[in-house]
Amino acid sequence: MSIARIRKNDTVIVTHGNDAGRTGVVQKVDAKKGTAIVSGINVHKKAVRRTERTQGGLIDREFPIALCKLMPYDPDSKKGSRVSTAEKDGKKVRKLKASGKII
């Protein structure tokens, strides 16, 4: 089993692009494509056709962002941190390198 650097419900910070420096919570990760959808990040308007469920029109929607542009957010140092693996109670866990905090 591999330990992923970024997982669902992690708080991340954007390192590159128009949203650089902003933080958000990961909603979905697509490991095959190497992308993630983060709440409030990479938001664009999308034209939606009216159906029985939706009214239609222009809606704001979060689009996928590349995983290489994201870093796990360390609330103690208030910046992005690299991740290492550690062992706790016989299981592999992720540990932030900046503060040593287990996530």
PDB file of N, CA and C in Angstrom:
ATOM      1  N   MET A   1       0.842  -1.186   0.000  1.00  0.00           N
ATOM      2  CA  MET A   1       0.000   0.000   0.000  1.00  0.00           C
ATOM      3  C   MET A   1       0.883   1.244   0.000  1.00  0.00           C
ATOM      4  N   SER A   2       0.621   2.143  -0.917  1.00  0.00           N
ATOM      5  CA  SER A   2       1.412   3.365  -0.969  1.00  0.00           C
ATOM      6  C   SER A   2       0.719   4.465  -0.172  1.00  0.00           C
ATOM      7  N   ILE A   3       1.518   5.305   0.408  1.00  0.00           N
ATOM      8  CA  ILE A   3       0.991   6.431   1.171  1.00  0.00           C
ATOM      9  C   ILE A   3       0.953   7.632   0.237  1.00  0.00           C
ATOM     10  N   ALA A   4      -0.228   8.162  -0.004  1.00  0.00           N
ATOM     11  CA  ALA A   4      -0.378   9.325  -0.885  1.00  0.00           C
ATOM     12  C   ALA A   4      -0.025  10.595  -0.119  1.00  0.00           C
ATOM     13  N   ARG A   5       0.574  11.526  -0.821  1.00  0.00           N
ATOM     14  CA  ARG A   5       0.974  12.783  -0.201  1.00  0.00           C
ATOM     15  C   ARG A   5      -0.240  13.630   0.144  1.00  0.00           C
ATOM     16  N   ILE A   6      -1.248  13.630  -0.753  1.00  0.00           N
ATOM     17  CA  ILE A   6      -2.457  14.421  -0.549  1.00  0.00           C
ATOM     18  C   ILE A   6      -3.657  13.494  -0.645  1.00  0.00           C
ATOM     19  N   ARG A   7      -4.542  13.583   0.326  1.00  0.00           N
ATOM     20  CA  ARG A   7      -5.744  12.750   0.367  1.00  0.00           C
ATOM     21  C   ARG A   7      -6.978  13.622   0.535  1.00  0.00           C
ATOM     22  N   LYS A   8      -8.143  12.975   0.418  1.00  0.00           N
ATOM     23  CA  LYS A   8      -9.419  13.650   0.611  1.00  0.00           C
ATOM     24  C   LYS A   8      -9.497  14.202   2.035  1.00  0.00           C
ATOM     25  N   ASN A   9     -10.116  15.367   2.185  1.00  0.00           N
ATOM     26  CA  ASN A   9     -10.312  16.076   3.458  1.00  0.00           C
ATOM     27  C   ASN A   9      -9.034  16.670   4.044  1.00  0.00           C
ATOM     28  N   ASP A  10      -7.911  16.674   3.298  1.00  0.00           N
ATOM     29  CA  ASP A  10      -6.699  17.361   3.731  1.00  0.00           C
ATOM     30  C   ASP A  10      -6.836  18.849   3.441  1.00  0.00           C
ATOM     31  N   THR A  11      -6.237  19.676   4.285  1.00  0.00           N
ATOM     32  CA  THR A  11      -6.144  21.099   4.002  1.00  0.00           C
ATOM     33  C   THR A  11      -4.847  21.320   3.238  1.00  0.00           C
ATOM     34  N   VAL A  12      -4.955  21.975   2.083  1.00  0.00           N
ATOM     35  CA  VAL A  12      -3.787  22.172   1.227  1.00  0.00           C
ATOM     36  C   VAL A  12      -3.629  23.650   0.891  1.00  0.00           C
ATOM     37  N   ILE A  13      -2.422  24.024   0.458  1.00  0.00           N
ATOM     38  CA  ILE A  13      -2.135  25.374  -0.005  1.00  0.00           C
ATOM     39  C   ILE A  13      -1.652  25.277  -1.444  1.00  0.00           C
ATOM     40  N   VAL A  14      -2.052  26.234  -2.275  1.00  0.00           N
ATOM     41  CA  VAL A  14      -1.666  26.251  -3.682  1.00  0.00           C
ATOM     42  C   VAL A  14      -0.322  26.962  -3.798  1.00  0.00           C
ATOM     43  N   THR A  15       0.630  26.347  -4.515  1.00  0.00           N
ATOM     44  CA  THR A  15       1.973  26.914  -4.628  1.00  0.00           C
ATOM     45  C   THR A  15       2.195  27.685  -5.922  1.00  0.00           C
ATOM     46  N   HIS A  16       1.476  27.361  -7.001  1.00  0.00           N
ATOM     47  CA  HIS A  16       1.668  28.002  -8.295  1.00  0.00           C
ATOM     48  C   HIS A  16       0.326  28.368  -8.912  1.00  0.00           C
ATOM     49  N   GLY A  17       0.340  29.354  -9.817  1.00  0.00           N
ATOM     50  CA  GLY A  17      -0.851  29.681 -10.568  1.00  0.00           C
ATOM     51  C   GLY A  17      -1.594  30.888 -10.020  1.00  0.00           C
ATOM     52  N   ASN A  18      -2.795  31.105 -10.544  1.00  0.00           N
ATOM     53  CA  ASN A  18      -3.592  32.271 -10.160  1.00  0.00           C
ATOM     54  C   ASN A  18      -4.035  32.231  -8.706  1.00  0.00           C
ATOM     55  N   ASP A  19      -4.208  31.039  -8.144  1.00  0.00           N
ATOM     56  CA  ASP A  19      -4.673  30.897  -6.763  1.00  0.00           C
ATOM     57  C   ASP A  19      -3.524  30.662  -5.782  1.00  0.00           C
ATOM     58  N   ALA A  20      -2.308  31.004  -6.148  1.00  0.00           N
ATOM     59  CA  ALA A  20      -1.141  30.751  -5.297  1.00  0.00           C
ATOM     60  C   ALA A  20      -1.308  31.435  -3.939  1.00  0.00           C
ATOM     61  N   GLY A  21      -1.023  30.680  -2.874  1.00  0.00           N
ATOM     62  CA  GLY A  21      -1.130  31.204  -1.519  1.00  0.00           C
ATOM     63  C   GLY A  21      -2.474  30.968  -0.863  1.00  0.00           C
ATOM     64  N   ARG A  22      -3.461  30.520  -1.606  1.00  0.00           N
ATOM     65  CA  ARG A  22      -4.788  30.275  -1.035  1.00  0.00           C
ATOM     66  C   ARG A  22      -4.876  28.847  -0.516  1.00  0.00           C
ATOM     67  N   THR A  23      -5.682  28.635   0.505  1.00  0.00           N
ATOM     68  CA  THR A  23      -5.850  27.319   1.088  1.00  0.00           C
ATOM     69  C   THR A  23      -7.271  26.830   0.880  1.00  0.00           C
ATOM     70  N   GLY A  24      -7.444  25.503   0.931  1.00  0.00           N
ATOM     71  CA  GLY A  24      -8.758  24.898   0.788  1.00  0.00           C
ATOM     72  C   GLY A  24      -8.706  23.444   1.205  1.00  0.00           C
ATOM     73  N   VAL A  25      -9.868  22.818   1.252  1.00  0.00           N
ATOM     74  CA  VAL A  25      -9.983  21.417   1.660  1.00  0.00           C
ATOM     75  C   VAL A  25     -10.199  20.572   0.411  1.00  0.00           C
ATOM     76  N   VAL A  26      -9.474  19.466   0.313  1.00  0.00           N
ATOM     77  CA  VAL A  26      -9.565  18.583  -0.845  1.00  0.00           C
ATOM     78  C   VAL A  26     -10.891  17.832  -0.800  1.00  0.00           C
ATOM     79  N   GLN A  27     -11.658  17.926  -1.907  1.00  0.00           N
ATOM     80  CA  GLN A  27     -12.934  17.224  -1.989  1.00  0.00           C
ATOM     81  C   GLN A  27     -12.793  15.880  -2.683  1.00  0.00           C
ATOM     82  N   LYS A  28     -11.900  15.814  -3.691  1.00  0.00           N
ATOM     83  CA  LYS A  28     -11.751  14.595  -4.476  1.00  0.00           C
ATOM     84  C   LYS A  28     -10.345  14.553  -5.061  1.00  0.00           C
ATOM     85  N   VAL A  29      -9.746  13.362  -5.103  1.00  0.00           N
ATOM     86  CA  VAL A  29      -8.421  13.173  -5.691  1.00  0.00           C
ATOM     87  C   VAL A  29      -8.527  12.130  -6.793  1.00  0.00           C
ATOM     88  N   ASP A  30      -7.977  12.436  -7.967  1.00  0.00           N
ATOM     89  CA  ASP A  30      -7.896  11.488  -9.076  1.00  0.00           C
ATOM     90  C   ASP A  30      -6.421  11.163  -9.275  1.00  0.00           C
ATOM     91  N   ALA A  31      -5.984  10.034  -8.730  1.00  0.00           N
ATOM     92  CA  ALA A  31      -4.571   9.666  -8.763  1.00  0.00           C
ATOM     93  C   ALA A  31      -4.098   9.338 -10.168  1.00  0.00           C
ATOM     94  N   LYS A  32      -4.961   8.765 -10.996  1.00  0.00           N
ATOM     95  CA  LYS A  32      -4.558   8.422 -12.368  1.00  0.00           C
ATOM     96  C   LYS A  32      -4.245   9.664 -13.183  1.00  0.00           C
ATOM     97  N   LYS A  33      -5.078  10.696 -13.068  1.00  0.00           N
ATOM     98  CA  LYS A  33      -4.858  11.928 -13.810  1.00  0.00           C
ATOM     99  C   LYS A  33      -3.902  12.870 -13.092  1.00  0.00           C
ATOM    100  N   GLY A  34      -3.659  12.634 -11.799  1.00  0.00           N
ATOM    101  CA  GLY A  34      -2.775  13.502 -11.032  1.00  0.00           C
ATOM    102  C   GLY A  34      -3.395  14.843 -10.716  1.00  0.00           C
ATOM    103  N   THR A  35      -4.704  14.844 -10.456  1.00  0.00           N
ATOM    104  CA  THR A  35      -5.423  16.080 -10.170  1.00  0.00           C
ATOM    105  C   THR A  35      -6.254  15.939  -8.896  1.00  0.00           C
ATOM    106  N   ALA A  36      -6.682  17.085  -8.380  1.00  0.00           N
ATOM    107  CA  ALA A  36      -7.565  17.112  -7.211  1.00  0.00           C
ATOM    108  C   ALA A  36      -8.532  18.266  -7.361  1.00  0.00           C
ATOM    109  N   ILE A  37      -9.698  18.123  -6.755  1.00  0.00           N
ATOM    110  CA  ILE A  37     -10.670  19.212  -6.700  1.00  0.00           C
ATOM    111  C   ILE A  37     -10.643  19.754  -5.277  1.00  0.00           C
ATOM    112  N   VAL A  38     -10.373  21.062  -5.163  1.00  0.00           N
ATOM    113  CA  VAL A  38     -10.215  21.713  -3.864  1.00  0.00           C
ATOM    114  C   VAL A  38     -11.294  22.780  -3.729  1.00  0.00           C
ATOM    115  N   SER A  39     -11.943  22.832  -2.569  1.00  0.00           N
ATOM    116  CA  SER A  39     -13.039  23.788  -2.375  1.00  0.00           C
ATOM    117  C   SER A  39     -12.513  25.221  -2.412  1.00  0.00           C
ATOM    118  N   GLY A  40     -13.132  26.042  -3.255  1.00  0.00           N
ATOM    119  CA  GLY A  40     -12.771  27.446  -3.352  1.00  0.00           C
ATOM    120  C   GLY A  40     -11.553  27.747  -4.208  1.00  0.00           C
ATOM    121  N   ILE A  41     -10.947  26.732  -4.816  1.00  0.00           N
ATOM    122  CA  ILE A  41      -9.740  26.910  -5.620  1.00  0.00           C
ATOM    123  C   ILE A  41     -10.054  26.542  -7.072  1.00  0.00           C
ATOM    124  N   ASN A  42      -9.497  27.305  -8.022  1.00  0.00           N
ATOM    125  CA  ASN A  42      -9.661  27.072  -9.455  1.00  0.00           C
ATOM    126  C   ASN A  42     -11.144  27.102  -9.835  1.00  0.00           C
ATOM    127  N   VAL A  43     -11.844  28.143  -9.395  1.00  0.00           N
ATOM    128  CA  VAL A  43     -13.278  28.289  -9.635  1.00  0.00           C
ATOM    129  C   VAL A  43     -13.491  29.041 -10.951  1.00  0.00           C
ATOM    130  N   HIS A  44     -14.320  28.474 -11.827  1.00  0.00           N
ATOM    131  CA  HIS A  44     -14.656  29.087 -13.100  1.00  0.00           C
ATOM    132  C   HIS A  44     -16.163  29.021 -13.312  1.00  0.00           C
ATOM    133  N   LYS A  45     -16.647  29.855 -14.213  1.00  0.00           N
ATOM    134  CA  LYS A  45     -18.064  29.806 -14.571  1.00  0.00           C
ATOM    135  C   LYS A  45     -18.271  28.727 -15.615  1.00  0.00           C
ATOM    136  N   LYS A  46     -19.354  27.967 -15.485  1.00  0.00           N
ATOM    137  CA  LYS A  46     -19.675  26.911 -16.429  1.00  0.00           C
ATOM    138  C   LYS A  46     -21.125  27.065 -16.843  1.00  0.00           C
ATOM    139  N   ALA A  47     -21.357  26.984 -18.151  1.00  0.00           N
ATOM    140  CA  ALA A  47     -22.720  27.067 -18.675  1.00  0.00           C
ATOM    141  C   ALA A  47     -23.389  25.712 -18.511  1.00  0.00           C
ATOM    142  N   VAL A  48     -24.563  25.693 -17.887  1.00  0.00           N
ATOM    143  CA  VAL A  48     -25.271  24.452 -17.606  1.00  0.00           C
ATOM    144  C   VAL A  48     -26.647  24.520 -18.258  1.00  0.00           C
ATOM    145  N   ARG A  49     -27.012  23.455 -18.937  1.00  0.00           N
ATOM    146  CA  ARG A  49     -28.317  23.373 -19.579  1.00  0.00           C
ATOM    147  C   ARG A  49     -29.394  23.106 -18.522  1.00  0.00           C
ATOM    148  N   ARG A  50     -30.572  23.671 -18.732  1.00  0.00           N
ATOM    149  CA  ARG A  50     -31.673  23.466 -17.798  1.00  0.00           C
ATOM    150  C   ARG A  50     -32.186  22.033 -17.923  1.00  0.00           C
ATOM    151  N   THR A  51     -32.362  21.372 -16.800  1.00  0.00           N
ATOM    152  CA  THR A  51     -32.927  20.025 -16.756  1.00  0.00           C
ATOM    153  C   THR A  51     -33.997  19.994 -15.679  1.00  0.00           C
ATOM    154  N   GLU A  52     -34.491  18.802 -15.385  1.00  0.00           N
ATOM    155  CA  GLU A  52     -35.488  18.669 -14.322  1.00  0.00           C
ATOM    156  C   GLU A  52     -34.894  19.000 -12.959  1.00  0.00           C
ATOM    157  N   ARG A  53     -33.603  18.707 -12.779  1.00  0.00           N
ATOM    158  CA  ARG A  53     -32.958  18.919 -11.482  1.00  0.00           C
ATOM    159  C   ARG A  53     -32.372  20.320 -11.319  1.00  0.00           C
ATOM    160  N   THR A  54     -31.869  20.921 -12.405  1.00  0.00           N
ATOM    161  CA  THR A  54     -31.200  22.212 -12.293  1.00  0.00           C
ATOM    162  C   THR A  54     -31.943  23.273 -13.082  1.00  0.00           C
ATOM    163  N   GLN A  55     -31.761  24.518 -12.639  1.00  0.00           N
ATOM    164  CA  GLN A  55     -32.407  25.636 -13.312  1.00  0.00           C
ATOM    165  C   GLN A  55     -31.657  26.002 -14.587  1.00  0.00           C
ATOM    166  N   GLY A  56     -30.341  25.778 -14.599  1.00  0.00           N
ATOM    167  CA  GLY A  56     -29.541  26.118 -15.769  1.00  0.00           C
ATOM    168  C   GLY A  56     -28.936  27.498 -15.651  1.00  0.00           C
ATOM    169  N   GLY A  57     -28.119  27.868 -16.620  1.00  0.00           N
ATOM    170  CA  GLY A  57     -27.459  29.170 -16.622  1.00  0.00           C
ATOM    171  C   GLY A  57     -25.981  29.023 -16.302  1.00  0.00           C
ATOM    172  N   LEU A  58     -25.356  30.111 -15.864  1.00  0.00           N
ATOM    173  CA  LEU A  58     -23.943  30.100 -15.506  1.00  0.00           C
ATOM    174  C   LEU A  58     -23.799  29.800 -14.020  1.00  0.00           C
ATOM    175  N   ILE A  59     -23.001  28.801 -13.703  1.00  0.00           N
ATOM    176  CA  ILE A  59     -22.760  28.449 -12.304  1.00  0.00           C
ATOM    177  C   ILE A  59     -21.264  28.504 -12.037  1.00  0.00           C
ATOM    178  N   ASP A  60     -20.886  28.774 -10.788  1.00  0.00           N
ATOM    179  CA  ASP A  60     -19.488  28.710 -10.375  1.00  0.00           C
ATOM    180  C   ASP A  60     -19.176  27.273  -9.997  1.00  0.00           C
ATOM    181  N   ARG A  61     -18.052  26.768 -10.509  1.00  0.00           N
ATOM    182  CA  ARG A  61     -17.701  25.373 -10.272  1.00  0.00           C
ATOM    183  C   ARG A  61     -16.197  25.245 -10.064  1.00  0.00           C
ATOM    184  N   GLU A  62     -15.798  24.371  -9.133  1.00  0.00           N
ATOM    185  CA  GLU A  62     -14.384  24.092  -8.922  1.00  0.00           C
ATOM    186  C   GLU A  62     -13.916  23.086  -9.963  1.00  0.00           C
ATOM    187  N   PHE A  63     -12.850  23.416 -10.659  1.00  0.00           N
ATOM    188  CA  PHE A  63     -12.270  22.526 -11.641  1.00  0.00           C
ATOM    189  C   PHE A  63     -11.021  21.879 -11.064  1.00  0.00           C
ATOM    190  N   PRO A  64     -10.598  20.735 -11.616  1.00  0.00           N
ATOM    191  CA  PRO A  64      -9.423  20.047 -11.075  1.00  0.00           C
ATOM    192  C   PRO A  64      -8.155  20.889 -11.198  1.00  0.00           C
ATOM    193  N   ILE A  65      -7.250  20.692 -10.250  1.00  0.00           N
ATOM    194  CA  ILE A  65      -5.946  21.354 -10.247  1.00  0.00           C
ATOM    195  C   ILE A  65      -4.897  20.260 -10.074  1.00  0.00           C
ATOM    196  N   ALA A  66      -3.749  20.434 -10.699  1.00  0.00           N
ATOM    197  CA  ALA A  66      -2.694  19.423 -10.663  1.00  0.00           C
ATOM    198  C   ALA A  66      -2.154  19.252  -9.249  1.00  0.00           C
ATOM    199  N   LEU A  67      -1.870  17.998  -8.881  1.00  0.00           N
ATOM    200  CA  LEU A  67      -1.348  17.700  -7.545  1.00  0.00           C
ATOM    201  C   LEU A  67       0.019  18.328  -7.309  1.00  0.00           C
ATOM    202  N   CYS A  68       0.790  18.537  -8.398  1.00  0.00           N
ATOM    203  CA  CYS A  68       2.118  19.120  -8.232  1.00  0.00           C
ATOM    204  C   CYS A  68       2.054  20.585  -7.811  1.00  0.00           C
ATOM    205  N   LYS A  69       0.887  21.213  -7.923  1.00  0.00           N
ATOM    206  CA  LYS A  69       0.715  22.605  -7.520  1.00  0.00           C
ATOM    207  C   LYS A  69       0.177  22.729  -6.093  1.00  0.00           C
ATOM    208  N   LEU A  70      -0.015  21.612  -5.408  1.00  0.00           N
ATOM    209  CA  LEU A  70      -0.582  21.610  -4.058  1.00  0.00           C
ATOM    210  C   LEU A  70       0.424  21.071  -3.055  1.00  0.00           C
ATOM    211  N   MET A  71       0.374  21.622  -1.837  1.00  0.00           N
ATOM    212  CA  MET A  71       1.174  21.105  -0.720  1.00  0.00           C
ATOM    213  C   MET A  71       0.273  21.014   0.501  1.00  0.00           C
ATOM    214  N   PRO A  72       0.474  20.008   1.338  1.00  0.00           N
ATOM    215  CA  PRO A  72      -0.283  19.958   2.594  1.00  0.00           C
ATOM    216  C   PRO A  72       0.007  21.207   3.429  1.00  0.00           C
ATOM    217  N   TYR A  73      -1.027  21.773   4.029  1.00  0.00           N
ATOM    218  CA  TYR A  73      -0.911  23.014   4.799  1.00  0.00           C
ATOM    219  C   TYR A  73      -0.612  22.694   6.254  1.00  0.00           C
ATOM    220  N   ASP A  74       0.398  23.372   6.792  1.00  0.00           N
ATOM    221  CA  ASP A  74       0.776  23.209   8.191  1.00  0.00           C
ATOM    222  C   ASP A  74       0.248  24.411   8.969  1.00  0.00           C
ATOM    223  N   PRO A  75      -0.794  24.234   9.813  1.00  0.00           N
ATOM    224  CA  PRO A  75      -1.370  25.383  10.527  1.00  0.00           C
ATOM    225  C   PRO A  75      -0.425  25.993  11.558  1.00  0.00           C
ATOM    226  N   ASP A  76       0.538  25.220  12.060  1.00  0.00           N
ATOM    227  CA  ASP A  76       1.479  25.750  13.054  1.00  0.00           C
ATOM    228  C   ASP A  76       2.416  26.786  12.432  1.00  0.00           C
ATOM    229  N   SER A  77       3.011  26.455  11.279  1.00  0.00           N
ATOM    230  CA  SER A  77       3.932  27.377  10.621  1.00  0.00           C
ATOM    231  C   SER A  77       3.241  28.254   9.585  1.00  0.00           C
ATOM    232  N   LYS A  78       1.950  28.011   9.348  1.00  0.00           N
ATOM    233  CA  LYS A  78       1.121  28.780   8.401  1.00  0.00           C
ATOM    234  C   LYS A  78       1.720  28.804   7.000  1.00  0.00           C
ATOM    235  N   LYS A  79       2.226  27.650   6.544  1.00  0.00           N
ATOM    236  CA  LYS A  79       2.728  27.526   5.176  1.00  0.00           C
ATOM    237  C   LYS A  79       2.700  26.061   4.775  1.00  0.00           C
ATOM    238  N   GLY A  80       3.038  25.790   3.523  1.00  0.00           N
ATOM    239  CA  GLY A  80       3.049  24.422   3.024  1.00  0.00           C
ATOM    240  C   GLY A  80       4.202  23.637   3.617  1.00  0.00           C
ATOM    241  N   SER A  81       4.011  22.331   3.718  1.00  0.00           N
ATOM    242  CA  SER A  81       5.040  21.473   4.287  1.00  0.00           C
ATOM    243  C   SER A  81       5.176  20.210   3.471  1.00  0.00           C
ATOM    244  N   ARG A  82       6.397  19.701   3.388  1.00  0.00           N
ATOM    245  CA  ARG A  82       6.601  18.426   2.737  1.00  0.00           C
ATOM    246  C   ARG A  82       6.153  17.317   3.684  1.00  0.00           C
ATOM    247  N   VAL A  83       5.973  16.119   3.132  1.00  0.00           N
ATOM    248  CA  VAL A  83       5.432  15.009   3.915  1.00  0.00           C
ATOM    249  C   VAL A  83       6.434  13.870   3.947  1.00  0.00           C
ATOM    250  N   SER A  84       6.588  13.273   5.118  1.00  0.00           N
ATOM    251  CA  SER A  84       7.387  12.058   5.243  1.00  0.00           C
ATOM    252  C   SER A  84       6.501  10.985   5.866  1.00  0.00           C
ATOM    253  N   THR A  85       6.976   9.748   5.835  1.00  0.00           N
ATOM    254  CA  THR A  85       6.215   8.667   6.445  1.00  0.00           C
ATOM    255  C   THR A  85       6.856   8.284   7.771  1.00  0.00           C
ATOM    256  N   ALA A  86       6.019   7.885   8.683  1.00  0.00           N
ATOM    257  CA  ALA A  86       6.471   7.426   9.996  1.00  0.00           C
ATOM    258  C   ALA A  86       5.615   6.238  10.382  1.00  0.00           C
ATOM    259  N   GLU A  87       6.004   5.575  11.446  1.00  0.00           N
ATOM    260  CA  GLU A  87       5.242   4.427  11.906  1.00  0.00           C
ATOM    261  C   GLU A  87       4.685   4.723  13.285  1.00  0.00           C
ATOM    262  N   LYS A  88       3.381   4.491  13.433  1.00  0.00           N
ATOM    263  CA  LYS A  88       2.722   4.716  14.719  1.00  0.00           C
ATOM    264  C   LYS A  88       1.790   3.541  14.978  1.00  0.00           C
ATOM    265  N   ASP A  89       1.976   2.855  16.064  1.00  0.00           N
ATOM    266  CA  ASP A  89       1.174   1.689  16.437  1.00  0.00           C
ATOM    267  C   ASP A  89       1.196   0.624  15.346  1.00  0.00           C
ATOM    268  N   GLY A  90       2.331   0.464  14.669  1.00  0.00           N
ATOM    269  CA  GLY A  90       2.482  -0.562  13.646  1.00  0.00           C
ATOM    270  C   GLY A  90       1.867  -0.203  12.300  1.00  0.00           C
ATOM    271  N   LYS A  91       1.407   1.033  12.132  1.00  0.00           N
ATOM    272  CA  LYS A  91       0.821   1.470  10.866  1.00  0.00           C
ATOM    273  C   LYS A  91       1.626   2.631  10.313  1.00  0.00           C
ATOM    274  N   LYS A  92       1.652   2.734   8.967  1.00  0.00           N
ATOM    275  CA  LYS A  92       2.305   3.865   8.323  1.00  0.00           C
ATOM    276  C   LYS A  92       1.392   5.080   8.411  1.00  0.00           C
ATOM    277  N   VAL A  93       1.957   6.206   8.786  1.00  0.00           N
ATOM    278  CA  VAL A  93       1.218   7.461   8.861  1.00  0.00           C
ATOM    279  C   VAL A  93       2.021   8.549   8.151  1.00  0.00           C
ATOM    280  N   ARG A  94       1.334   9.628   7.794  1.00  0.00           N
ATOM    281  CA  ARG A  94       2.002  10.765   7.165  1.00  0.00           C
ATOM    282  C   ARG A  94       2.364  11.783   8.235  1.00  0.00           C
ATOM    283  N   LYS A  95       3.562  12.369   8.100  1.00  0.00           N
ATOM    284  CA  LYS A  95       4.057  13.328   9.080  1.00  0.00           C
ATOM    285  C   LYS A  95       4.550  14.572   8.346  1.00  0.00           C
ATOM    286  N   LEU A  96       4.166  15.750   8.829  1.00  0.00           N
ATOM    287  CA  LEU A  96       4.627  16.992   8.230  1.00  0.00           C
ATOM    288  C   LEU A  96       6.071  17.231   8.636  1.00  0.00           C
ATOM    289  N   LYS A  97       6.922  17.568   7.672  1.00  0.00           N
ATOM    290  CA  LYS A  97       8.338  17.765   7.960  1.00  0.00           C
ATOM    291  C   LYS A  97       8.589  19.058   8.723  1.00  0.00           C
ATOM    292  N   ALA A  98       7.789  20.092   8.487  1.00  0.00           N
ATOM    293  CA  ALA A  98       8.020  21.389   9.115  1.00  0.00           C
ATOM    294  C   ALA A  98       7.817  21.338  10.636  1.00  0.00           C
ATOM    295  N   SER A  99       6.728  20.715  11.079  1.00  0.00           N
ATOM    296  CA  SER A  99       6.404  20.714  12.500  1.00  0.00           C
ATOM    297  C   SER A  99       6.499  19.337  13.147  1.00  0.00           C
ATOM    298  N   GLY A 100       6.578  18.277  12.353  1.00  0.00           N
ATOM    299  CA  GLY A 100       6.615  16.933  12.901  1.00  0.00           C
ATOM    300  C   GLY A 100       5.237  16.423  13.302  1.00  0.00           C
ATOM    301  N   LYS A 101       4.191  17.156  12.959  1.00  0.00           N
ATOM    302  CA  LYS A 101       2.825  16.790  13.319  1.00  0.00           C
ATOM    303  C   LYS A 101       2.316  15.675  12.410  1.00  0.00           C
ATOM    304  N   ILE A 102       1.612  14.695  12.985  1.00  0.00           N
ATOM    305  CA  ILE A 102       1.070  13.574  12.224  1.00  0.00           C
ATOM    306  C   ILE A 102      -0.295  13.972  11.680  1.00  0.00           C
ATOM    307  N   ILE A 103      -0.500  13.703  10.361  1.00  0.00           N
ATOM    308  CA  ILE A 103      -1.796  14.045   9.761  1.00  0.00           C
ATOM    309  C   ILE A 103      -2.513  12.777   9.349  1.00  0.00           C
TER     310      ILE A 103
END
